[in-house]
PDB file of N, CA and C in Angstrom:
ATOM      1  N   MET A   1     -27.777 -18.656  97.238  1.00  0.00           N
ATOM      2  CA  MET A   1     -28.532 -17.919  96.227  1.00  0.00           C
ATOM      3  C   MET A   1     -28.268 -18.503  94.820  1.00  0.00           C
ATOM      4  N   GLU A   2     -29.081 -18.549  94.160  1.00  0.00           N
ATOM      5  CA  GLU A   2     -29.147 -19.131  92.737  1.00  0.00           C
ATOM      6  C   GLU A   2     -27.945 -18.577  92.058  1.00  0.00           C
ATOM      7  N   THR A   3     -27.206 -19.116  91.392  1.00  0.00           N
ATOM      8  CA  THR A   3     -26.068 -18.699  90.430  1.00  0.00           C
ATOM      9  C   THR A   3     -26.453 -17.484  89.540  1.00  0.00           C
ATOM     10  N   GLY A   4     -27.488 -17.604  88.655  1.00  0.00           N
ATOM     11  CA  GLY A   4     -27.846 -16.483  87.899  1.00  0.00           C
ATOM     12  C   GLY A   4     -28.239 -15.079  88.377  1.00  0.00           C
ATOM     13  N   ALA A   5     -29.192 -15.582  89.477  1.00  0.00           N
ATOM     14  CA  ALA A   5     -29.606 -14.318  90.212  1.00  0.00           C
ATOM     15  C   ALA A   5     -28.397 -13.562  91.037  1.00  0.00           C
ATOM     16  N   PHE A   6     -27.426 -14.538  91.357  1.00  0.00           N
ATOM     17  CA  PHE A   6     -26.133 -13.878  92.043  1.00  0.00           C
ATOM     18  C   PHE A   6     -25.239 -12.987  90.995  1.00  0.00           C
ATOM     19  N   LEU A   7     -25.164 -13.393  89.764  1.00  0.00           N
ATOM     20  CA  LEU A   7     -24.408 -12.796  88.606  1.00  0.00           C
ATOM     21  C   LEU A   7     -25.213 -11.720  88.221  1.00  0.00           C
ATOM     22  N   ARG A   8     -26.407 -11.922  88.164  1.00  0.00           N
ATOM     23  CA  ARG A   8     -27.341 -10.777  87.582  1.00  0.00           C
ATOM     24  C   ARG A   8     -27.200  -9.501  88.714  1.00  0.00           C
ATOM     25  N   ASP A   9     -27.360  -9.927  89.900  1.00  0.00           N
ATOM     26  CA  ASP A   9     -27.280  -8.502  91.033  1.00  0.00           C
ATOM     27  C   ASP A   9     -25.893  -8.314  90.962  1.00  0.00           C
ATOM     28  N   LEU A  10     -24.834  -9.003  90.616  1.00  0.00           N
ATOM     29  CA  LEU A  10     -23.496  -8.504  90.614  1.00  0.00           C
ATOM     30  C   LEU A  10     -23.195  -7.573  89.498  1.00  0.00           C
ATOM     31  N   VAL A  11     -23.586  -7.778  88.464  1.00  0.00           N
ATOM     32  CA  VAL A  11     -23.462  -7.105  87.187  1.00  0.00           C
ATOM     33  C   VAL A  11     -24.286  -5.799  87.392  1.00  0.00           C
ATOM     34  N   THR A  12     -25.302  -5.748  87.886  1.00  0.00           N
ATOM     35  CA  THR A  12     -26.526  -4.425  88.151  1.00  0.00           C
ATOM     36  C   THR A  12     -25.614  -3.512  89.055  1.00  0.00           C
ATOM     37  N   LYS A  13     -24.984  -4.100  90.029  1.00  0.00           N
ATOM     38  CA  LYS A  13     -24.330  -3.335  90.942  1.00  0.00           C
ATOM     39  C   LYS A  13     -22.895  -2.591  90.135  1.00  0.00           C
ATOM     40  N   LEU A  14     -22.270  -3.573  89.467  1.00  0.00           N
ATOM     41  CA  LEU A  14     -21.181  -2.856  88.759  1.00  0.00           C
ATOM     42  C   LEU A  14     -21.572  -1.974  87.735  1.00  0.00           C
ATOM     43  N   GLU A  15     -22.397  -2.215  86.879  1.00  0.00           N
ATOM     44  CA  GLU A  15     -22.651  -1.216  85.765  1.00  0.00           C
ATOM     45  C   GLU A  15     -24.367  -1.315  85.568  1.00  0.00           C
ATOM     46  N   PRO A  16     -24.918  -0.403  86.009  1.00  0.00           N
ATOM     47  CA  PRO A  16     -26.483  -0.310  86.059  1.00  0.00           C
ATOM     48  C   PRO A  16     -27.048  -0.609  84.551  1.00  0.00           C
ATOM     49  N   ASN A  17     -26.230   0.007  83.445  1.00  0.00           N
ATOM     50  CA  ASN A  17     -26.640   0.043  82.061  1.00  0.00           C
ATOM     51  C   ASN A  17     -26.419  -1.499  81.373  1.00  0.00           C
ATOM     52  N   ALA A  18     -25.599  -2.426  82.218  1.00  0.00           N
ATOM     53  CA  ALA A  18     -25.593  -3.708  81.639  1.00  0.00           C
ATOM     54  C   ALA A  18     -26.430  -4.672  82.163  1.00  0.00           C
ATOM     55  N   THR A  19     -26.756  -5.741  81.441  1.00  0.00           N
ATOM     56  CA  THR A  19     -27.732  -6.640  81.865  1.00  0.00           C
ATOM     57  C   THR A  19     -27.311  -8.093  81.416  1.00  0.00           C
ATOM     58  N   VAL A  20     -27.502  -9.044  82.433  1.00  0.00           N
ATOM     59  CA  VAL A  20     -27.241 -10.555  82.165  1.00  0.00           C
ATOM     60  C   VAL A  20     -28.373 -11.068  81.108  1.00  0.00           C
ATOM     61  N   VAL A  21     -28.020 -11.565  79.946  1.00  0.00           N
ATOM     62  CA  VAL A  21     -29.083 -12.059  78.991  1.00  0.00           C
ATOM     63  C   VAL A  21     -28.876 -13.656  79.145  1.00  0.00           C
ATOM     64  N   GLY A  22     -27.856 -14.084  79.629  1.00  0.00           N
ATOM     65  CA  GLY A  22     -27.935 -15.527  79.895  1.00  0.00           C
ATOM     66  C   GLY A  22     -26.711 -16.019  80.536  1.00  0.00           C
ATOM     67  N   VAL A  23     -26.895 -16.961  81.527  1.00  0.00           N
ATOM     68  CA  VAL A  23     -25.872 -17.834  81.847  1.00  0.00           C
ATOM     69  C   VAL A  23     -26.100 -19.255  81.842  1.00  0.00           C
ATOM     70  N   GLU A  24     -24.902 -19.833  81.039  1.00  0.00           N
ATOM     71  CA  GLU A  24     -24.859 -21.439  80.769  1.00  0.00           C
ATOM     72  C   GLU A  24     -23.657 -21.918  81.622  1.00  0.00           C
ATOM     73  N   GLU A  25     -23.839 -23.298  81.810  1.00  0.00           N
ATOM     74  CA  GLU A  25     -22.712 -24.167  82.225  1.00  0.00           C
ATOM     75  C   GLU A  25     -22.166 -24.881  80.960  1.00  0.00           C
ATOM     76  N   ALA A  26     -20.933 -24.590  81.137  1.00  0.00           N
ATOM     77  CA  ALA A  26     -20.203 -24.992  79.976  1.00  0.00           C
ATOM     78  C   ALA A  26     -19.079 -26.208  80.341  1.00  0.00           C
ATOM     79  N   GLN A  27     -18.552 -26.984  79.344  1.00  0.00           N
ATOM     80  CA  GLN A  27     -17.569 -27.820  79.587  1.00  0.00           C
ATOM     81  C   GLN A  27     -17.849 -28.793  80.761  1.00  0.00           C
ATOM     82  N   GLY A  28     -18.826 -29.382  80.870  1.00  0.00           N
ATOM     83  CA  GLY A  28     -19.162 -30.160  81.839  1.00  0.00           C
ATOM     84  C   GLY A  28     -19.389 -29.670  83.203  1.00  0.00           C
ATOM     85  N   GLY A  29     -19.695 -28.199  83.107  1.00  0.00           N
ATOM     86  CA  GLY A  29     -20.138 -27.501  84.580  1.00  0.00           C
ATOM     87  C   GLY A  29     -18.965 -26.900  85.220  1.00  0.00           C
ATOM     88  N   ASP A  30     -17.959 -27.011  84.679  1.00  0.00           N
ATOM     89  CA  ASP A  30     -16.617 -26.291  85.140  1.00  0.00           C
ATOM     90  C   ASP A  30     -16.689 -25.013  84.913  1.00  0.00           C
ATOM     91  N   LEU A  31     -17.418 -24.346  83.785  1.00  0.00           N
ATOM     92  CA  LEU A  31     -17.497 -22.959  83.462  1.00  0.00           C
ATOM     93  C   LEU A  31     -18.761 -22.417  83.424  1.00  0.00           C
ATOM     94  N   TYR A  32     -18.999 -20.988  83.712  1.00  0.00           N
ATOM     95  CA  TYR A  32     -20.103 -20.606  83.252  1.00  0.00           C
ATOM     96  C   TYR A  32     -19.845 -19.366  82.246  1.00  0.00           C
ATOM     97  N   ARG A  33     -20.670 -19.575  81.158  1.00  0.00           N
ATOM     98  CA  ARG A  33     -20.606 -18.755  80.241  1.00  0.00           C
ATOM     99  C   ARG A  33     -21.949 -17.633  80.396  1.00  0.00           C
ATOM    100  N   VAL A  34     -21.457 -16.482  80.469  1.00  0.00           N
ATOM    101  CA  VAL A  34     -22.077 -15.136  80.992  1.00  0.00           C
ATOM    102  C   VAL A  34     -22.301 -14.319  79.897  1.00  0.00           C
ATOM    103  N   ARG A  35     -23.443 -13.874  79.259  1.00  0.00           N
ATOM    104  CA  ARG A  35     -23.763 -13.241  78.109  1.00  0.00           C
ATOM    105  C   ARG A  35     -24.472 -11.748  78.552  1.00  0.00           C
ATOM    106  N   LEU A  36     -23.745 -10.692  78.417  1.00  0.00           N
ATOM    107  CA  LEU A  36     -24.330  -9.408  78.771  1.00  0.00           C
ATOM    108  C   LEU A  36     -24.744  -8.529  77.451  1.00  0.00           C
ATOM    109  N   ALA A  37     -25.649  -7.709  77.646  1.00  0.00           N
ATOM    110  CA  ALA A  37     -26.038  -6.727  76.633  1.00  0.00           C
ATOM    111  C   ALA A  37     -26.301  -5.220  77.501  1.00  0.00           C
ATOM    112  N   GLY A  38     -26.133  -4.475  76.654  1.00  0.00           N
ATOM    113  CA  GLY A  38     -26.341  -2.919  77.186  1.00  0.00           C
ATOM    114  C   GLY A  38     -26.615  -1.943  76.339  1.00  0.00           C
ATOM    115  N   THR A  39     -25.802  -0.896  76.131  1.00  0.00           N
ATOM    116  CA  THR A  39     -26.372   0.171  75.686  1.00  0.00           C
ATOM    117  C   THR A  39     -25.971   0.313  74.069  1.00  0.00           C
ATOM    118  N   THR A  40     -25.023  -0.676  73.795  1.00  0.00           N
ATOM    119  CA  THR A  40     -24.265  -0.440  72.372  1.00  0.00           C
ATOM    120  C   THR A  40     -24.866  -1.361  71.577  1.00  0.00           C
ATOM    121  N   GLY A  41     -25.908  -2.253  71.795  1.00  0.00           N
ATOM    122  CA  GLY A  41     -26.574  -2.928  70.685  1.00  0.00           C
ATOM    123  C   GLY A  41     -25.670  -4.539  70.546  1.00  0.00           C
ATOM    124  N   VAL A  42     -24.598  -4.518  71.134  1.00  0.00           N
ATOM    125  CA  VAL A  42     -24.051  -5.877  70.957  1.00  0.00           C
ATOM    126  C   VAL A  42     -24.124  -6.661  72.236  1.00  0.00           C
ATOM    127  N   GLU A  43     -23.563  -7.811  72.165  1.00  0.00           N
ATOM    128  CA  GLU A  43     -23.610  -8.799  73.262  1.00  0.00           C
ATOM    129  C   GLU A  43     -22.075  -9.071  73.654  1.00  0.00           C
ATOM    130  N   ALA A  44     -21.627  -9.043  74.946  1.00  0.00           N
ATOM    131  CA  ALA A  44     -20.318  -9.629  75.268  1.00  0.00           C
ATOM    132  C   ALA A  44     -20.524 -11.231  75.978  1.00  0.00           C
ATOM    133  N   HIS A  45     -19.551 -11.843  75.696  1.00  0.00           N
ATOM    134  CA  HIS A  45     -19.416 -12.908  76.193  1.00  0.00           C
ATOM    135  C   HIS A  45     -18.207 -13.129  77.214  1.00  0.00           C
ATOM    136  N   CYS A  46     -18.274 -13.646  78.448  1.00  0.00           N
ATOM    137  CA  CYS A  46     -17.293 -14.103  79.292  1.00  0.00           C
ATOM    138  C   CYS A  46     -17.565 -15.424  80.028  1.00  0.00           C
ATOM    139  N   GLU A  47     -16.333 -16.125  80.131  1.00  0.00           N
ATOM    140  CA  GLU A  47     -16.292 -17.462  80.829  1.00  0.00           C
ATOM    141  C   GLU A  47     -15.675 -17.172  82.225  1.00  0.00           C
ATOM    142  N   ILE A  48     -16.421 -17.760  83.189  1.00  0.00           N
ATOM    143  CA  ILE A  48     -15.886 -17.613  84.560  1.00  0.00           C
ATOM    144  C   ILE A  48     -15.979 -19.170  85.104  1.00  0.00           C
ATOM    145  N   PRO A  49     -14.891 -19.630  85.813  1.00  0.00           N
ATOM    146  CA  PRO A  49     -14.549 -20.977  86.246  1.00  0.00           C
ATOM    147  C   PRO A  49     -15.527 -20.856  87.528  1.00  0.00           C
ATOM    148  N   ARG A  50     -16.626 -22.200  87.591  1.00  0.00           N
ATOM    149  CA  ARG A  50     -17.565 -22.451  88.525  1.00  0.00           C
ATOM    150  C   ARG A  50     -17.093 -22.180  89.903  1.00  0.00           C
ATOM    151  N   GLY A  51     -15.877 -22.710  90.110  1.00  0.00           N
ATOM    152  CA  GLY A  51     -15.315 -22.484  91.445  1.00  0.00           C
ATOM    153  C   GLY A  51     -15.065 -21.105  91.996  1.00  0.00           C
ATOM    154  N   ASP A  52     -14.907 -20.098  90.825  1.00  0.00           N
ATOM    155  CA  ASP A  52     -14.645 -18.698  91.315  1.00  0.00           C
ATOM    156  C   ASP A  52     -16.121 -18.134  91.739  1.00  0.00           C
ATOM    157  N   VAL A  53     -17.204 -18.447  90.848  1.00  0.00           N
ATOM    158  CA  VAL A  53     -18.569 -18.245  91.180  1.00  0.00           C
ATOM    159  C   VAL A  53     -18.878 -18.532  92.483  1.00  0.00           C
ATOM    160  N   GLU A  54     -18.655 -19.860  92.725  1.00  0.00           N
ATOM    161  CA  GLU A  54     -19.228 -20.503  94.044  1.00  0.00           C
ATOM    162  C   GLU A  54     -18.505 -19.811  95.172  1.00  0.00           C
ATOM    163  N   ALA A  55     -17.304 -19.721  94.949  1.00  0.00           N
ATOM    164  CA  ALA A  55     -16.360 -18.816  96.124  1.00  0.00           C
ATOM    165  C   ALA A  55     -16.761 -17.463  96.353  1.00  0.00           C
ATOM    166  N   ALA A  56     -17.254 -16.725  95.222  1.00  0.00           N
ATOM    167  CA  ALA A  56     -17.691 -15.218  95.014  1.00  0.00           C
ATOM    168  C   ALA A  56     -18.641 -15.120  96.012  1.00  0.00           C
ATOM    169  N   GLU A  57     -19.819 -16.091  96.123  1.00  0.00           N
ATOM    170  CA  GLU A  57     -20.956 -15.952  97.013  1.00  0.00           C
ATOM    171  C   GLU A  57     -20.613 -15.947  98.336  1.00  0.00           C
ATOM    172  N   ARG A  58     -19.313 -16.229  98.960  1.00  0.00           N
ATOM    173  CA  ARG A  58     -19.054 -16.431 100.298  1.00  0.00           C
ATOM    174  C   ARG A  58     -17.826 -15.691 100.526  1.00  0.00           C
ATOM    175  N   TRP A  59     -16.735 -15.325  99.798  1.00  0.00           N
ATOM    176  CA  TRP A  59     -15.691 -14.506 100.187  1.00  0.00           C
ATOM    177  C   TRP A  59     -15.566 -13.486  99.215  1.00  0.00           C
ATOM    178  N   GLY A  60     -15.039 -12.361  99.798  1.00  0.00           N
ATOM    179  CA  GLY A  60     -14.698 -11.010  99.489  1.00  0.00           C
ATOM    180  C   GLY A  60     -13.844 -11.268  98.069  1.00  0.00           C
ATOM    181  N   GLU A  61     -12.556 -11.869  98.486  1.00  0.00           N
ATOM    182  CA  GLU A  61     -11.425 -11.674  97.469  1.00  0.00           C
ATOM    183  C   GLU A  61     -12.140 -12.585  96.050  1.00  0.00           C
ATOM    184  N   ALA A  62     -12.618 -13.382  96.268  1.00  0.00           N
ATOM    185  CA  ALA A  62     -13.428 -14.308  95.258  1.00  0.00           C
ATOM    186  C   ALA A  62     -14.091 -13.521  94.418  1.00  0.00           C
ATOM    187  N   ARG A  63     -15.184 -12.674  95.058  1.00  0.00           N
ATOM    188  CA  ARG A  63     -16.165 -11.546  94.695  1.00  0.00           C
ATOM    189  C   ARG A  63     -15.323 -10.542  93.923  1.00  0.00           C
ATOM    190  N   ARG A  64     -14.397 -10.243  94.390  1.00  0.00           N
ATOM    191  CA  ARG A  64     -13.650  -9.459  93.451  1.00  0.00           C
ATOM    192  C   ARG A  64     -13.104  -9.642  92.427  1.00  0.00           C
ATOM    193  N   ARG A  65     -12.690 -10.775  92.088  1.00  0.00           N
ATOM    194  CA  ARG A  65     -11.983 -11.465  90.882  1.00  0.00           C
ATOM    195  C   ARG A  65     -13.236 -11.634  90.119  1.00  0.00           C
ATOM    196  N   VAL A  66     -14.242 -12.367  90.420  1.00  0.00           N
ATOM    197  CA  VAL A  66     -15.412 -12.353  89.580  1.00  0.00           C
ATOM    198  C   VAL A  66     -15.913 -10.938  89.237  1.00  0.00           C
ATOM    199  N   ALA A  67     -16.109 -10.035  90.096  1.00  0.00           N
ATOM    200  CA  ALA A  67     -16.390  -8.596  89.722  1.00  0.00           C
ATOM    201  C   ALA A  67     -15.638  -8.139  88.416  1.00  0.00           C
ATOM    202  N   THR A  68     -14.190  -8.021  88.914  1.00  0.00           N
ATOM    203  CA  THR A  68     -13.254  -7.558  87.883  1.00  0.00           C
ATOM    204  C   THR A  68     -13.683  -8.311  86.321  1.00  0.00           C
ATOM    205  N   ALA A  69     -14.022  -9.611  86.315  1.00  0.00           N
ATOM    206  CA  ALA A  69     -14.291 -10.186  85.060  1.00  0.00           C
ATOM    207  C   ALA A  69     -15.410  -9.885  84.412  1.00  0.00           C
ATOM    208  N   LEU A  70     -16.304  -9.731  85.268  1.00  0.00           N
ATOM    209  CA  LEU A  70     -17.854  -9.214  84.730  1.00  0.00           C
ATOM    210  C   LEU A  70     -17.679  -7.546  84.153  1.00  0.00           C
ATOM    211  N   LYS A  71     -17.157  -6.763  85.016  1.00  0.00           N
ATOM    212  CA  LYS A  71     -16.898  -5.523  84.929  1.00  0.00           C
ATOM    213  C   LYS A  71     -16.203  -5.185  83.235  1.00  0.00           C
ATOM    214  N   ARG A  72     -15.187  -6.143  83.046  1.00  0.00           N
ATOM    215  CA  ARG A  72     -14.505  -6.002  81.769  1.00  0.00           C
ATOM    216  C   ARG A  72     -15.248  -6.387  80.700  1.00  0.00           C
ATOM    217  N   CYS A  73     -16.166  -7.232  80.824  1.00  0.00           N
ATOM    218  CA  CYS A  73     -17.080  -7.773  79.963  1.00  0.00           C
ATOM    219  C   CYS A  73     -18.471  -6.468  79.919  1.00  0.00           C
ATOM    220  N   ALA A  74     -18.957  -6.017  80.793  1.00  0.00           N
ATOM    221  CA  ALA A  74     -19.954  -5.012  80.741  1.00  0.00           C
ATOM    222  C   ALA A  74     -19.402  -3.681  80.139  1.00  0.00           C
ATOM    223  N   ASP A  75     -18.048  -3.252  80.292  1.00  0.00           N
ATOM    224  CA  ASP A  75     -17.659  -2.225  79.593  1.00  0.00           C
ATOM    225  C   ASP A  75     -17.539  -2.285  78.049  1.00  0.00           C
ATOM    226  N   ASP A  76     -17.743  -3.402  77.683  1.00  0.00           N
ATOM    227  CA  ASP A  76     -17.823  -3.807  76.126  1.00  0.00           C
ATOM    228  C   ASP A  76     -19.035  -3.428  75.501  1.00  0.00           C
ATOM    229  N   VAL A  77     -20.084  -3.541  76.553  1.00  0.00           N
ATOM    230  CA  VAL A  77     -21.506  -3.498  76.149  1.00  0.00           C
ATOM    231  C   VAL A  77     -22.038  -2.127  76.306  1.00  0.00           C
ATOM    232  N   VAL A  78     -21.581  -1.122  77.365  1.00  0.00           N
ATOM    233  CA  VAL A  78     -22.177  -0.104  77.483  1.00  0.00           C
ATOM    234  C   VAL A  78     -21.409   1.469  77.196  1.00  0.00           C
ATOM    235  N   ALA A  79     -22.278   2.177  76.293  1.00  0.00           N
ATOM    236  CA  ALA A  79     -21.331   3.235  75.821  1.00  0.00           C
ATOM    237  C   ALA A  79     -21.144   4.229  76.703  1.00  0.00           C
ATOM    238  N   ARG A  80     -20.270   4.736  76.633  1.00  0.00           N
ATOM    239  CA  ARG A  80     -19.740   5.944  77.583  1.00  0.00           C
ATOM    240  C   ARG A  80     -20.362   7.298  77.185  1.00  0.00           C
ATOM    241  N   VAL A  81     -20.986   8.033  77.647  1.00  0.00           N
ATOM    242  CA  VAL A  81     -21.615   9.270  77.322  1.00  0.00           C
ATOM    243  C   VAL A  81     -20.693  10.284  78.106  1.00  0.00           C
ATOM    244  N   GLY A  82     -20.061  11.194  77.035  1.00  0.00           N
ATOM    245  CA  GLY A  82     -19.438  12.284  77.654  1.00  0.00           C
ATOM    246  C   GLY A  82     -20.302  13.409  78.547  1.00  0.00           C
ATOM    247  N   ASP A  83     -19.520  14.108  79.491  1.00  0.00           N
ATOM    248  CA  ASP A  83     -20.297  14.977  80.334  1.00  0.00           C
ATOM    249  C   ASP A  83     -20.424  16.396  79.662  1.00  0.00           C
ATOM    250  N   GLY A  84     -19.933  16.638  78.608  1.00  0.00           N
ATOM    251  CA  GLY A  84     -20.080  18.025  78.078  1.00  0.00           C
ATOM    252  C   GLY A  84     -19.032  18.811  78.181  1.00  0.00           C
ATOM    253  N   ARG A  85     -18.015  18.562  79.072  1.00  0.00           N
ATOM    254  CA  ARG A  85     -16.983  19.336  79.474  1.00  0.00           C
ATOM    255  C   ARG A  85     -15.911  18.825  78.094  1.00  0.00           C
ATOM    256  N   ALA A  86     -15.022  19.862  77.773  1.00  0.00           N
ATOM    257  CA  ALA A  86     -14.331  19.609  76.862  1.00  0.00           C
ATOM    258  C   ALA A  86     -12.686  19.326  77.250  1.00  0.00           C
TER     259      ALA A  86
END
């Protein structure tokens, strides 16, 4: 699977209100810079090592590490809406 598509799919599963707006290779291809947007009107950036992303496409533990990093990033771009309970 193409890396951008893999990361977009993973972010959508983690946080449906967040969207990957960019995936770029950085530092000679050793890192992926992922940009996310959501409901807050801001963009969040996170850097994930290329090896972790490649491993995440195959192994569950690596996928959890990448998912944790993306979830932290997504939490910065999605506004939490209260459910009305006090």
